[in-house]
Amino acid sequence: MVPPRWSPPPWPWIKINTDAALVHDHAVCAAIARDAKGIPIFALSDNVQCLNPLVLFSLPSE
């Protein structure tokens, strides 16, 4: 059995996981927030025009 890769936060905290992918000048950013039971609270994704991966990962979430 493979152990889970995601661990929930302690109650009453939420955990927000983010990720981004960059191909040429097009990027997609995504985030998901889950509560202590692992239930999704919100999720979002957005297309971003970006040429530098360091800039992409430093963009503020809106």
PDB file of N, CA and C in Angstrom:
ATOM      1  N   MET A   1       0.839  -1.182   0.000  1.00  0.00           N
ATOM      2  CA  MET A   1       0.000   0.000   0.000  1.00  0.00           C
ATOM      3  C   MET A   1       0.886   1.249   0.000  1.00  0.00           C
ATOM      4  N   VAL A   2       0.530   2.199  -0.837  1.00  0.00           N
ATOM      5  CA  VAL A   2       1.280   3.448  -0.953  1.00  0.00           C
ATOM      6  C   VAL A   2       0.713   4.466   0.048  1.00  0.00           C
ATOM      7  N   PRO A   3       1.575   5.065   0.884  1.00  0.00           N
ATOM      8  CA  PRO A   3       1.067   6.068   1.828  1.00  0.00           C
ATOM      9  C   PRO A   3       0.570   7.318   1.102  1.00  0.00           C
ATOM     10  N   PRO A   4      -0.403   8.031   1.677  1.00  0.00           N
ATOM     11  CA  PRO A   4      -0.918   9.246   1.017  1.00  0.00           C
ATOM     12  C   PRO A   4       0.166  10.304   0.898  1.00  0.00           C
ATOM     13  N   ARG A   5       0.107  11.072  -0.170  1.00  0.00           N
ATOM     14  CA  ARG A   5       1.091  12.128  -0.401  1.00  0.00           C
ATOM     15  C   ARG A   5       0.629  13.460   0.176  1.00  0.00           C
ATOM     16  N   TRP A   6      -0.645  13.585   0.450  1.00  0.00           N
ATOM     17  CA  TRP A   6      -1.186  14.821   0.999  1.00  0.00           C
ATOM     18  C   TRP A   6      -1.597  14.561   2.443  1.00  0.00           C
ATOM     19  N   SER A   7      -1.229  15.464   3.337  1.00  0.00           N
ATOM     20  CA  SER A   7      -1.653  15.319   4.726  1.00  0.00           C
ATOM     21  C   SER A   7      -2.509  16.525   5.096  1.00  0.00           C
ATOM     22  N   PRO A   8      -3.612  16.289   5.804  1.00  0.00           N
ATOM     23  CA  PRO A   8      -4.506  17.387   6.146  1.00  0.00           C
ATOM     24  C   PRO A   8      -3.900  18.294   7.211  1.00  0.00           C
ATOM     25  N   PRO A   9      -4.347  19.538   7.248  1.00  0.00           N
ATOM     26  CA  PRO A   9      -3.881  20.459   8.298  1.00  0.00           C
ATOM     27  C   PRO A   9      -4.609  20.154   9.611  1.00  0.00           C
ATOM     28  N   PRO A  10      -4.088  20.632  10.731  1.00  0.00           N
ATOM     29  CA  PRO A  10      -4.810  20.451  11.993  1.00  0.00           C
ATOM     30  C   PRO A  10      -6.072  21.312  12.005  1.00  0.00           C
ATOM     31  N   TRP A  11      -7.073  20.858  12.734  1.00  0.00           N
ATOM     32  CA  TRP A  11      -8.315  21.611  12.893  1.00  0.00           C
ATOM     33  C   TRP A  11      -8.006  22.878  13.664  1.00  0.00           C
ATOM     34  N   PRO A  12      -8.476  24.069  13.358  1.00  0.00           N
ATOM     35  CA  PRO A  12      -9.431  24.474  12.333  1.00  0.00           C
ATOM     36  C   PRO A  12      -8.758  25.081  11.104  1.00  0.00           C
ATOM     37  N   TRP A  13      -7.524  24.772  10.846  1.00  0.00           N
ATOM     38  CA  TRP A  13      -6.781  25.333   9.723  1.00  0.00           C
ATOM     39  C   TRP A  13      -7.262  24.771   8.396  1.00  0.00           C
ATOM     40  N   ILE A  14      -6.909  25.480   7.305  1.00  0.00           N
ATOM     41  CA  ILE A  14      -7.096  24.957   5.954  1.00  0.00           C
ATOM     42  C   ILE A  14      -5.722  24.921   5.299  1.00  0.00           C
ATOM     43  N   LYS A  15      -5.579  24.060   4.311  1.00  0.00           N
ATOM     44  CA  LYS A  15      -4.325  23.968   3.571  1.00  0.00           C
ATOM     45  C   LYS A  15      -4.606  24.346   2.126  1.00  0.00           C
ATOM     46  N   ILE A  16      -3.754  25.213   1.575  1.00  0.00           N
ATOM     47  CA  ILE A  16      -3.884  25.631   0.182  1.00  0.00           C
ATOM     48  C   ILE A  16      -2.666  25.118  -0.580  1.00  0.00           C
ATOM     49  N   ASN A  17      -2.909  24.269  -1.558  1.00  0.00           N
ATOM     50  CA  ASN A  17      -1.850  23.762  -2.419  1.00  0.00           C
ATOM     51  C   ASN A  17      -1.922  24.487  -3.754  1.00  0.00           C
ATOM     52  N   THR A  18      -0.759  24.840  -4.290  1.00  0.00           N
ATOM     53  CA  THR A  18      -0.693  25.562  -5.559  1.00  0.00           C
ATOM     54  C   THR A  18       0.251  24.840  -6.520  1.00  0.00           C
ATOM     55  N   ASP A  19       0.053  25.105  -7.787  1.00  0.00           N
ATOM     56  CA  ASP A  19       0.936  24.559  -8.811  1.00  0.00           C
ATOM     57  C   ASP A  19       0.849  25.439 -10.046  1.00  0.00           C
ATOM     58  N   ALA A  20       1.835  25.331 -10.907  1.00  0.00           N
ATOM     59  CA  ALA A  20       1.844  26.093 -12.155  1.00  0.00           C
ATOM     60  C   ALA A  20       2.615  25.302 -13.196  1.00  0.00           C
ATOM     61  N   ALA A  21       2.235  25.479 -14.447  1.00  0.00           N
ATOM     62  CA  ALA A  21       2.934  24.846 -15.563  1.00  0.00           C
ATOM     63  C   ALA A  21       3.193  25.902 -16.626  1.00  0.00           C
ATOM     64  N   LEU A  22       4.364  25.842 -17.223  1.00  0.00           N
ATOM     65  CA  LEU A  22       4.772  26.833 -18.211  1.00  0.00           C
ATOM     66  C   LEU A  22       5.215  26.124 -19.483  1.00  0.00           C
ATOM     67  N   VAL A  23       4.640  26.519 -20.618  1.00  0.00           N
ATOM     68  CA  VAL A  23       5.045  26.018 -21.926  1.00  0.00           C
ATOM     69  C   VAL A  23       5.159  27.229 -22.848  1.00  0.00           C
ATOM     70  N   HIS A  24       6.381  27.504 -23.292  1.00  0.00           N
ATOM     71  CA  HIS A  24       6.678  28.668 -24.131  1.00  0.00           C
ATOM     72  C   HIS A  24       6.236  29.952 -23.415  1.00  0.00           C
ATOM     73  N   ASP A  25       5.261  30.681 -23.938  1.00  0.00           N
ATOM     74  CA  ASP A  25       4.836  31.926 -23.284  1.00  0.00           C
ATOM     75  C   ASP A  25       3.462  31.783 -22.635  1.00  0.00           C
ATOM     76  N   HIS A  26       3.007  30.558 -22.433  1.00  0.00           N
ATOM     77  CA  HIS A  26       1.689  30.314 -21.864  1.00  0.00           C
ATOM     78  C   HIS A  26       1.848  29.527 -20.563  1.00  0.00           C
ATOM     79  N   ALA A  27       1.130  29.949 -19.545  1.00  0.00           N
ATOM     80  CA  ALA A  27       1.202  29.267 -18.255  1.00  0.00           C
ATOM     81  C   ALA A  27      -0.193  29.093 -17.681  1.00  0.00           C
ATOM     82  N   VAL A  28      -0.331  28.081 -16.851  1.00  0.00           N
ATOM     83  CA  VAL A  28      -1.564  27.846 -16.121  1.00  0.00           C
ATOM     84  C   VAL A  28      -1.200  27.732 -14.647  1.00  0.00           C
ATOM     85  N   CYS A  29      -1.903  28.478 -13.814  1.00  0.00           N
ATOM     86  CA  CYS A  29      -1.719  28.433 -12.366  1.00  0.00           C
ATOM     87  C   CYS A  29      -2.987  27.840 -11.755  1.00  0.00           C
ATOM     88  N   ALA A  30      -2.823  27.061 -10.694  1.00  0.00           N
ATOM     89  CA  ALA A  30      -3.979  26.447 -10.051  1.00  0.00           C
ATOM     90  C   ALA A  30      -3.772  26.393  -8.547  1.00  0.00           C
ATOM     91  N   ALA A  31      -4.873  26.365  -7.803  1.00  0.00           N
ATOM     92  CA  ALA A  31      -4.826  26.254  -6.342  1.00  0.00           C
ATOM     93  C   ALA A  31      -6.065  25.506  -5.867  1.00  0.00           C
ATOM     94  N   ILE A  32      -5.909  24.783  -4.761  1.00  0.00           N
ATOM     95  CA  ILE A  32      -7.042  24.136  -4.111  1.00  0.00           C
ATOM     96  C   ILE A  32      -6.865  24.280  -2.603  1.00  0.00           C
ATOM     97  N   ALA A  33      -7.961  24.597  -1.919  1.00  0.00           N
ATOM     98  CA  ALA A  33      -7.957  24.713  -0.461  1.00  0.00           C
ATOM     99  C   ALA A  33      -8.809  23.599   0.104  1.00  0.00           C
ATOM    100  N   ARG A  34      -8.299  22.928   1.138  1.00  0.00           N
ATOM    101  CA  ARG A  34      -9.037  21.832   1.782  1.00  0.00           C
ATOM    102  C   ARG A  34      -9.027  22.025   3.292  1.00  0.00           C
ATOM    103  N   ASP A  35     -10.086  21.537   3.916  1.00  0.00           N
ATOM    104  CA  ASP A  35     -10.164  21.632   5.366  1.00  0.00           C
ATOM    105  C   ASP A  35      -9.456  20.438   6.018  1.00  0.00           C
ATOM    106  N   ALA A  36      -9.574  20.324   7.342  1.00  0.00           N
ATOM    107  CA  ALA A  36      -8.880  19.280   8.088  1.00  0.00           C
ATOM    108  C   ALA A  36      -9.377  17.875   7.745  1.00  0.00           C
ATOM    109  N   LYS A  37     -10.554  17.756   7.132  1.00  0.00           N
ATOM    110  CA  LYS A  37     -11.068  16.448   6.705  1.00  0.00           C
ATOM    111  C   LYS A  37     -10.703  16.140   5.260  1.00  0.00           C
ATOM    112  N   GLY A  38     -10.028  17.076   4.583  1.00  0.00           N
ATOM    113  CA  GLY A  38      -9.649  16.888   3.196  1.00  0.00           C
ATOM    114  C   GLY A  38     -10.727  17.299   2.213  1.00  0.00           C
ATOM    115  N   ILE A  39     -11.800  17.898   2.717  1.00  0.00           N
ATOM    116  CA  ILE A  39     -12.903  18.329   1.861  1.00  0.00           C
ATOM    117  C   ILE A  39     -12.526  19.638   1.169  1.00  0.00           C
ATOM    118  N   PRO A  40     -12.641  19.706  -0.170  1.00  0.00           N
ATOM    119  CA  PRO A  40     -12.313  20.947  -0.880  1.00  0.00           C
ATOM    120  C   PRO A  40     -13.231  22.100  -0.461  1.00  0.00           C
ATOM    121  N   ILE A  41     -12.614  23.249  -0.200  1.00  0.00           N
ATOM    122  CA  ILE A  41     -13.356  24.469   0.142  1.00  0.00           C
ATOM    123  C   ILE A  41     -13.487  25.339  -1.104  1.00  0.00           C
ATOM    124  N   PHE A  42     -12.389  25.472  -1.856  1.00  0.00           N
ATOM    125  CA  PHE A  42     -12.440  26.169  -3.134  1.00  0.00           C
ATOM    126  C   PHE A  42     -11.278  25.710  -3.994  1.00  0.00           C
ATOM    127  N   ALA A  43     -11.428  25.898  -5.292  1.00  0.00           N
ATOM    128  CA  ALA A  43     -10.363  25.601  -6.248  1.00  0.00           C
ATOM    129  C   ALA A  43     -10.421  26.661  -7.335  1.00  0.00           C
ATOM    130  N   LEU A  44      -9.278  26.961  -7.908  1.00  0.00           N
ATOM    131  CA  LEU A  44      -9.241  27.940  -8.981  1.00  0.00           C
ATOM    132  C   LEU A  44      -8.095  27.629  -9.923  1.00  0.00           C
ATOM    133  N   SER A  45      -8.222  28.136 -11.136  1.00  0.00           N
ATOM    134  CA  SER A  45      -7.131  28.054 -12.102  1.00  0.00           C
ATOM    135  C   SER A  45      -7.220  29.278 -13.000  1.00  0.00           C
ATOM    136  N   ASP A  46      -6.093  29.641 -13.602  1.00  0.00           N
ATOM    137  CA  ASP A  46      -6.058  30.828 -14.443  1.00  0.00           C
ATOM    138  C   ASP A  46      -4.964  30.669 -15.487  1.00  0.00           C
ATOM    139  N   ASN A  47      -5.202  31.189 -16.672  1.00  0.00           N
ATOM    140  CA  ASN A  47      -4.194  31.256 -17.718  1.00  0.00           C
ATOM    141  C   ASN A  47      -3.416  32.552 -17.557  1.00  0.00           C
ATOM    142  N   VAL A  48      -2.098  32.449 -17.703  1.00  0.00           N
ATOM    143  CA  VAL A  48      -1.228  33.613 -17.526  1.00  0.00           C
ATOM    144  C   VAL A  48      -0.239  33.645 -18.671  1.00  0.00           C
ATOM    145  N   GLN A  49       0.017  34.829 -19.216  1.00  0.00           N
ATOM    146  CA  GLN A  49       1.058  34.961 -20.223  1.00  0.00           C
ATOM    147  C   GLN A  49       2.342  35.323 -19.491  1.00  0.00           C
ATOM    148  N   CYS A  50       3.347  34.459 -19.600  1.00  0.00           N
ATOM    149  CA  CYS A  50       4.563  34.628 -18.809  1.00  0.00           C
ATOM    150  C   CYS A  50       5.733  33.996 -19.554  1.00  0.00           C
ATOM    151  N   LEU A  51       6.886  34.645 -19.513  1.00  0.00           N
ATOM    152  CA  LEU A  51       8.081  34.123 -20.176  1.00  0.00           C
ATOM    153  C   LEU A  51       9.114  33.584 -19.196  1.00  0.00           C
ATOM    154  N   ASN A  52       9.004  33.930 -17.924  1.00  0.00           N
ATOM    155  CA  ASN A  52      10.012  33.569 -16.937  1.00  0.00           C
ATOM    156  C   ASN A  52       9.383  32.729 -15.828  1.00  0.00           C
ATOM    157  N   PRO A  53       9.838  31.488 -15.620  1.00  0.00           N
ATOM    158  CA  PRO A  53       9.238  30.647 -14.591  1.00  0.00           C
ATOM    159  C   PRO A  53       9.393  31.221 -13.180  1.00  0.00           C
ATOM    160  N   LEU A  54      10.458  31.962 -12.913  1.00  0.00           N
ATOM    161  CA  LEU A  54      10.616  32.564 -11.582  1.00  0.00           C
ATOM    162  C   LEU A  54       9.535  33.602 -11.320  1.00  0.00           C
ATOM    163  N   VAL A  55       9.150  34.343 -12.341  1.00  0.00           N
ATOM    164  CA  VAL A  55       8.068  35.311 -12.214  1.00  0.00           C
ATOM    165  C   VAL A  55       6.750  34.584 -12.014  1.00  0.00           C
ATOM    166  N   LEU A  56       6.547  33.504 -12.752  1.00  0.00           N
ATOM    167  CA  LEU A  56       5.304  32.747 -12.669  1.00  0.00           C
ATOM    168  C   LEU A  56       5.035  32.289 -11.248  1.00  0.00           C
ATOM    169  N   PHE A  57       6.020  31.732 -10.577  1.00  0.00           N
ATOM    170  CA  PHE A  57       5.809  31.202  -9.235  1.00  0.00           C
ATOM    171  C   PHE A  57       5.778  32.296  -8.164  1.00  0.00           C
ATOM    172  N   SER A  58       6.109  33.523  -8.526  1.00  0.00           N
ATOM    173  CA  SER A  58       6.047  34.604  -7.554  1.00  0.00           C
ATOM    174  C   SER A  58       4.807  35.491  -7.751  1.00  0.00           C
ATOM    175  N   LEU A  59       3.968  35.184  -8.745  1.00  0.00           N
ATOM    176  CA  LEU A  59       2.772  35.994  -8.982  1.00  0.00           C
ATOM    177  C   LEU A  59       1.817  35.895  -7.804  1.00  0.00           C
ATOM    178  N   PRO A  60       1.235  36.997  -7.381  1.00  0.00           N
ATOM    179  CA  PRO A  60       0.253  36.935  -6.291  1.00  0.00           C
ATOM    180  C   PRO A  60      -1.038  36.295  -6.765  1.00  0.00           C
ATOM    181  N   SER A  61      -1.693  35.581  -5.874  1.00  0.00           N
ATOM    182  CA  SER A  61      -3.010  35.033  -6.234  1.00  0.00           C
ATOM    183  C   SER A  61      -4.043  36.123  -6.071  1.00  0.00           C
ATOM    184  N   GLU A  62      -5.034  36.105  -6.935  1.00  0.00           N
ATOM    185  CA  GLU A  62      -6.072  37.144  -6.912  1.00  0.00           C
ATOM    186  C   GLU A  62      -7.336  36.626  -6.296  1.00  0.00           C
TER     187      GLU A  62
END
